[in-house]
Protein backbone atom coordinates (compact mmCIF):
# COMPACT_ATOMS: atom_id res chain seq x y z
CA MET A 1 32.64 -40.10 13.57
CA ARG A 2 29.45 -42.01 12.90
CA CYS A 3 27.52 -39.12 14.48
CA LEU A 4 28.63 -36.64 11.81
CA PRO A 5 26.02 -37.57 9.17
CA LEU A 6 23.25 -37.27 11.78
CA LEU A 7 24.68 -33.94 12.95
CA ALA A 8 24.81 -32.70 9.36
CA LEU A 9 21.19 -33.78 8.88
CA MET A 10 20.16 -31.87 12.00
CA ILE A 11 22.00 -28.74 10.86
CA GLY A 12 20.38 -29.05 7.45
CA SER A 13 16.94 -29.27 9.09
CA VAL A 14 17.61 -26.12 11.11
CA ALA A 15 18.78 -24.31 7.98
CA SER A 16 15.63 -25.39 6.14
CA ALA A 17 13.47 -24.07 8.98
CA GLN A 18 15.23 -20.71 8.67
CA GLU A 19 14.69 -20.36 4.92
CA GLU A 20 13.06 -17.26 3.53
CA PRO A 21 9.38 -17.06 4.58
CA LYS A 22 6.75 -18.09 2.06
CA TRP A 23 4.21 -15.87 0.37
CA LEU A 24 0.93 -15.74 2.30
CA PRO A 25 -2.43 -14.64 0.86
CA LEU A 26 -3.94 -11.43 2.23
CA PHE A 27 -7.16 -12.09 0.30
CA ASN A 28 -8.89 -15.47 0.41
CA GLY A 29 -10.54 -15.10 -3.01
CA LYS A 30 -14.03 -15.62 -1.55
CA ASP A 31 -14.98 -12.68 0.67
CA LEU A 32 -13.59 -9.62 2.46
CA SER A 33 -12.62 -11.43 5.65
CA GLY A 34 -9.61 -9.73 7.24
CA TRP A 35 -10.41 -6.35 5.68
CA THR A 36 -12.32 -3.25 6.85
CA VAL A 37 -14.03 -0.67 4.63
CA LYS A 38 -13.86 3.08 5.24
CA ILE A 39 -15.58 5.38 2.76
CA ALA A 40 -15.61 9.16 3.17
CA LYS A 41 -18.91 10.48 4.58
CA ARG A 42 -19.83 6.93 5.65
CA PRO A 43 -19.33 5.27 9.04
CA LEU A 44 -16.51 2.80 9.52
CA GLY A 45 -17.39 -0.60 8.11
CA GLU A 46 -20.22 0.54 5.80
CA ASN A 47 -19.52 -0.85 2.33
CA TYR A 48 -21.78 1.68 0.66
CA ALA A 49 -23.44 0.46 -2.56
CA ASN A 50 -21.22 -2.64 -2.46
CA THR A 51 -18.25 -0.53 -3.54
CA PHE A 52 -15.80 -3.31 -2.71
CA HIS A 53 -17.03 -6.77 -3.63
CA VAL A 54 -15.60 -10.16 -4.51
CA GLU A 55 -16.27 -11.71 -7.90
CA ASP A 56 -14.38 -14.38 -9.87
CA GLY A 57 -11.66 -14.54 -7.21
CA MET A 58 -10.96 -10.81 -7.41
CA ILE A 59 -11.70 -7.74 -5.31
CA LYS A 60 -13.57 -5.36 -7.58
CA VAL A 61 -14.29 -1.68 -7.07
CA SER A 62 -17.61 -0.76 -8.66
CA TYR A 63 -19.81 2.33 -8.73
CA ASP A 64 -22.88 0.72 -10.25
CA GLY A 65 -24.94 1.61 -7.16
CA TYR A 66 -23.82 5.25 -6.89
CA PRO A 67 -26.20 8.00 -8.06
CA LYS A 68 -23.11 10.25 -7.98
CA PHE A 69 -19.60 10.02 -6.58
CA ASP A 70 -19.89 13.04 -4.29
CA GLN A 71 -16.26 12.82 -3.12
CA GLN A 72 -16.89 9.49 -1.41
CA TYR A 73 -13.31 8.27 -1.61
CA GLY A 74 -13.00 4.75 -0.26
CA HIS A 75 -10.32 2.42 1.08
CA LEU A 76 -10.30 -1.23 2.04
CA PHE A 77 -7.90 -1.73 4.96
CA THR A 78 -6.20 -4.85 6.21
CA ASN A 79 -7.27 -5.51 9.79
CA LEU A 80 -3.62 -5.99 10.74
CA ALA A 81 -0.81 -3.46 10.55
CA TYR A 82 2.56 -4.42 9.05
CA SER A 83 6.11 -3.08 9.21
CA ARG A 84 8.67 -5.10 7.25
CA TYR A 85 7.39 -7.10 4.31
CA VAL A 86 7.03 -7.47 0.57
CA LEU A 87 3.54 -6.97 -0.81
CA ARG A 88 2.70 -8.18 -4.29
CA MET A 89 -0.53 -8.09 -6.24
CA GLU A 90 -2.01 -7.49 -9.68
CA TYR A 91 -4.40 -4.78 -10.84
CA ARG A 92 -6.22 -3.69 -13.97
CA PHE A 93 -8.72 -0.95 -14.71
CA PHE A 94 -12.25 -1.54 -15.95
CA GLY A 95 -14.86 0.85 -17.34
CA LYS A 96 -15.09 4.59 -16.89
CA MET A 97 -14.63 6.91 -13.94
CA MET A 98 -17.59 8.53 -12.21
CA PRO A 99 -18.60 11.66 -14.17
CA ASP A 100 -18.52 13.96 -11.12
CA ALA A 101 -15.17 12.70 -9.81
CA PRO A 102 -12.07 14.91 -10.29
CA LYS A 103 -10.39 14.41 -13.67
CA TYR A 104 -7.17 13.13 -12.09
CA VAL A 105 -8.89 9.92 -10.90
CA ASN A 106 -9.32 8.73 -14.49
CA LEU A 107 -7.55 5.33 -14.76
CA ASN A 108 -6.07 6.03 -11.34
CA SER A 109 -6.03 3.92 -8.18
CA GLY A 110 -3.44 2.55 -5.77
CA VAL A 111 -2.51 0.70 -2.62
CA MET A 112 -1.69 2.59 0.55
CA ILE A 113 1.35 1.61 2.65
CA HIS A 114 1.92 2.50 6.33
CA ALA A 115 -1.67 3.80 6.42
CA GLN A 116 -3.22 5.14 9.60
CA PRO A 117 -5.85 2.87 11.23
CA PRO A 118 -9.27 3.34 9.64
CA GLN A 119 -10.71 3.83 13.14
CA SER A 120 -8.66 7.03 13.46
CA MET A 121 -10.03 8.66 10.30
CA ARG A 122 -12.51 11.51 10.39
CA LEU A 123 -15.98 10.77 9.02
CA ASP A 124 -15.47 12.88 5.89
CA GLN A 125 -11.73 12.22 5.45
CA GLY A 126 -10.95 11.30 1.85
CA PHE A 127 -7.54 9.65 2.23
CA PRO A 128 -5.66 8.05 5.12
CA SER A 129 -2.25 9.45 5.98
CA SER A 130 -0.05 6.97 4.14
CA MET A 131 2.43 6.35 1.35
CA GLU A 132 0.43 5.61 -1.80
CA PHE A 133 1.84 3.19 -4.36
CA GLN A 134 -0.09 4.76 -7.23
CA PHE A 135 -1.62 2.80 -10.14
CA LEU A 136 -2.01 4.66 -13.44
CA ALA A 137 -2.84 3.68 -17.02
CA ASP A 138 -2.60 5.23 -20.47
CA GLU A 139 -5.12 7.98 -21.20
CA GLY A 140 -3.87 8.40 -24.75
CA LYS A 141 -2.23 11.70 -23.86
CA GLY A 142 1.41 10.65 -23.63
CA VAL A 143 3.68 9.08 -21.03
CA ARG A 144 1.94 8.18 -17.77
CA PRO A 145 4.10 5.85 -15.64
CA THR A 146 2.53 3.71 -12.96
CA ALA A 147 4.04 2.99 -9.52
CA CYS A 148 4.67 6.62 -8.59
CA VAL A 149 4.43 7.53 -4.90
CA CYS A 150 1.84 9.97 -3.60
CA THR A 151 2.01 11.39 -0.10
CA PRO A 152 -1.38 12.11 1.51
CA GLY A 153 -0.50 13.62 4.86
CA THR A 154 3.11 12.42 4.58
CA ASN A 155 6.61 13.23 3.36
CA LEU A 156 9.62 11.13 2.41
CA GLU A 157 13.34 11.41 1.85
CA LEU A 158 15.42 10.87 -1.28
CA GLY A 159 19.19 10.76 -0.97
CA GLY A 160 19.03 12.14 2.56
CA LYS A 161 16.92 15.16 1.56
CA LEU A 162 13.34 15.80 2.69
CA VAL A 163 10.82 15.75 -0.18
CA THR A 164 7.53 17.54 0.43
CA GLN A 165 6.02 17.47 -3.07
CA HIS A 166 2.88 15.33 -3.32
CA ILE A 167 3.98 13.04 -6.17
CA VAL A 168 7.35 11.51 -7.00
CA GLN A 169 7.40 9.82 -10.39
CA SER A 170 8.72 6.35 -11.09
CA THR A 171 10.62 5.10 -14.13
CA SER A 172 7.90 2.61 -15.03
CA PRO A 173 6.55 2.33 -18.58
CA THR A 174 2.96 3.33 -19.41
CA PHE A 175 0.45 0.45 -19.54
CA PRO A 176 -2.92 0.15 -21.31
CA PRO A 177 -5.94 0.12 -18.95
CA GLU A 178 -7.03 -3.44 -19.75
CA GLN A 179 -3.63 -5.01 -19.02
CA TRP A 180 -3.01 -6.84 -15.77
CA VAL A 181 0.07 -5.35 -14.09
CA GLN A 182 1.99 -7.02 -11.26
CA ILE A 183 3.45 -4.74 -8.61
CA GLU A 184 5.63 -5.29 -5.56
CA ALA A 185 6.21 -2.98 -2.63
CA GLU A 186 9.21 -3.90 -0.52
CA VAL A 187 8.67 -2.16 2.79
CA ARG A 188 11.48 -1.99 5.34
CA GLY A 189 9.90 -0.15 8.25
CA ASN A 190 11.11 3.43 8.33
CA GLU A 191 14.30 2.65 6.43
CA GLU A 192 13.24 2.30 2.82
CA ILE A 193 10.37 1.44 0.46
CA ILE A 194 11.01 0.01 -3.02
CA HIS A 195 8.49 -0.08 -5.89
CA ARG A 196 8.69 -2.79 -8.55
CA VAL A 197 6.57 -3.32 -11.66
CA ASN A 198 6.53 -6.72 -13.34
CA GLY A 199 9.69 -7.59 -11.38
CA VAL A 200 11.65 -4.42 -12.28
CA GLU A 201 12.55 -1.75 -9.72
CA VAL A 202 11.14 1.65 -10.72
CA LEU A 203 11.41 3.75 -7.54
CA ARG A 204 12.89 3.72 -4.04
CA TYR A 205 12.73 6.25 -1.23
CA GLN A 206 13.57 6.46 2.46
CA ARG A 207 12.25 7.54 5.86
CA PRO A 208 8.48 7.82 5.27
CA GLN A 209 7.02 10.26 7.78
CA LEU A 210 3.94 12.21 8.74
CA ASP A 211 3.67 15.77 7.45
CA PRO A 212 3.06 18.21 10.31
CA ARG A 213 1.94 20.83 7.77
CA ASN A 214 -1.27 18.80 7.29
CA HIS A 215 -1.49 19.67 3.59
CA VAL A 216 -3.68 16.74 2.48
CA SER A 217 -4.88 14.53 5.33
CA PRO A 218 -5.21 15.39 9.02
CA ALA A 219 -1.82 13.97 9.98
CA THR A 220 -1.75 16.46 12.84
CA ASP A 221 -4.61 14.49 14.43
CA GLN A 222 -2.22 11.59 14.83
CA LEU A 223 0.71 13.73 15.96
CA ASP A 224 -1.47 15.47 18.54
CA ALA A 225 -2.54 12.02 19.79
CA GLY A 226 1.10 11.03 20.36
CA ALA A 227 2.00 9.28 17.09
CA GLU A 228 5.64 9.20 16.06
CA LEU A 229 6.65 11.51 13.22
CA MET A 230 8.50 8.70 11.48
CA LEU A 231 6.34 5.95 9.97
CA SER A 232 7.62 2.46 10.71
CA SER A 233 4.41 0.47 10.32
CA GLY A 234 0.79 0.75 9.32
CA HIS A 235 -2.10 -0.81 7.49
CA ILE A 236 -2.31 -1.76 3.82
CA ALA A 237 -5.33 -0.30 2.00
CA LEU A 238 -6.75 -0.74 -1.49
CA GLN A 239 -8.08 2.43 -3.03
CA ALA A 240 -11.45 3.38 -4.55
CA GLU A 241 -11.39 6.97 -5.74
CA GLY A 242 -14.00 7.10 -8.48
CA GLN A 243 -12.50 4.74 -11.09
CA PRO A 244 -13.57 1.06 -11.31
CA VAL A 245 -10.57 -1.22 -10.78
CA TRP A 246 -9.89 -4.91 -10.11
CA PHE A 247 -7.33 -6.44 -7.72
CA ARG A 248 -6.16 -10.04 -7.51
CA LYS A 249 -3.35 -12.32 -6.22
CA ILE A 250 -2.77 -10.16 -3.13
CA GLU A 251 0.08 -11.73 -1.14
CA ILE A 252 2.57 -10.77 1.54
CA ARG A 253 5.96 -12.12 2.58
CA ARG A 254 7.51 -11.05 5.85
CA LEU A 255 11.04 -9.70 6.06
CA ALA A 256 13.51 -10.23 8.88
CA PRO A 257 13.51 -7.65 11.68
CA ALA A 258 15.97 -4.81 11.39
CA PRO A 259 19.31 -5.59 13.07
CA VAL A 260 19.69 -4.11 16.53
CA VAL A 261 22.70 -1.81 16.80
CA VAL A 262 24.15 -1.77 20.29
CA PRO A 263 26.23 1.36 20.94
CA VAL A 264 29.76 0.71 22.17
CA PRO A 265 30.71 2.81 25.21
CA ALA A 266 33.51 5.29 24.62
CA GLY A 267 36.94 3.90 25.33
CA LYS A 268 35.99 0.28 24.72
């Protein structure tokens, strides 16, 4: 009987060790260690005109060194790929878009989920095949919710039905450009992705997948190379598409692996 308290203590220690994983920083606040730049029309790793730079503990996207935008869409990729996790971060917009960029990029950015490796992108490719958690702000023209999903080179499912439209809107409110907004993406492999804004769920969808129609990005490059149609993992990438934007407090928390379902033989 005297062993029971010790046994309880040991069980409690095991339970503590199995507690929910902690948040881990993806960005060290000092430099771009752990990240790789890919800008359209530029070779892998060239951070043209210091597009992505670290200042005041933030990753900032700036176009101060650009004579013109010239469709040089950029992304900053994590060196590691991820499958089941919660990503959280904060963003805010700063300044004006590049004059020669398309009008839709005004107060527009995002973070890419399940993105293809930057090494697999074509030299002039504008966007990686991915699920984009889109960031938008008020243009003064009416409702413009943030946290929509865009699908460059991809599709998704809602309620068991395939959705091939490029944008699915969220139920988020519209935010002013100068406001810091916290977002969370809960990513469960190929099962489901949930978007949250300031702690409130605004969108969820299922079964992210490559689009064999190749309507935006060369997803067929990946399919031809043997990639699975269904997206279960990929890189995380911050976007630079012609609008200055700031990112901070970029953290990730792993989720438990999906349960393994063992089929029961007939008659058992």
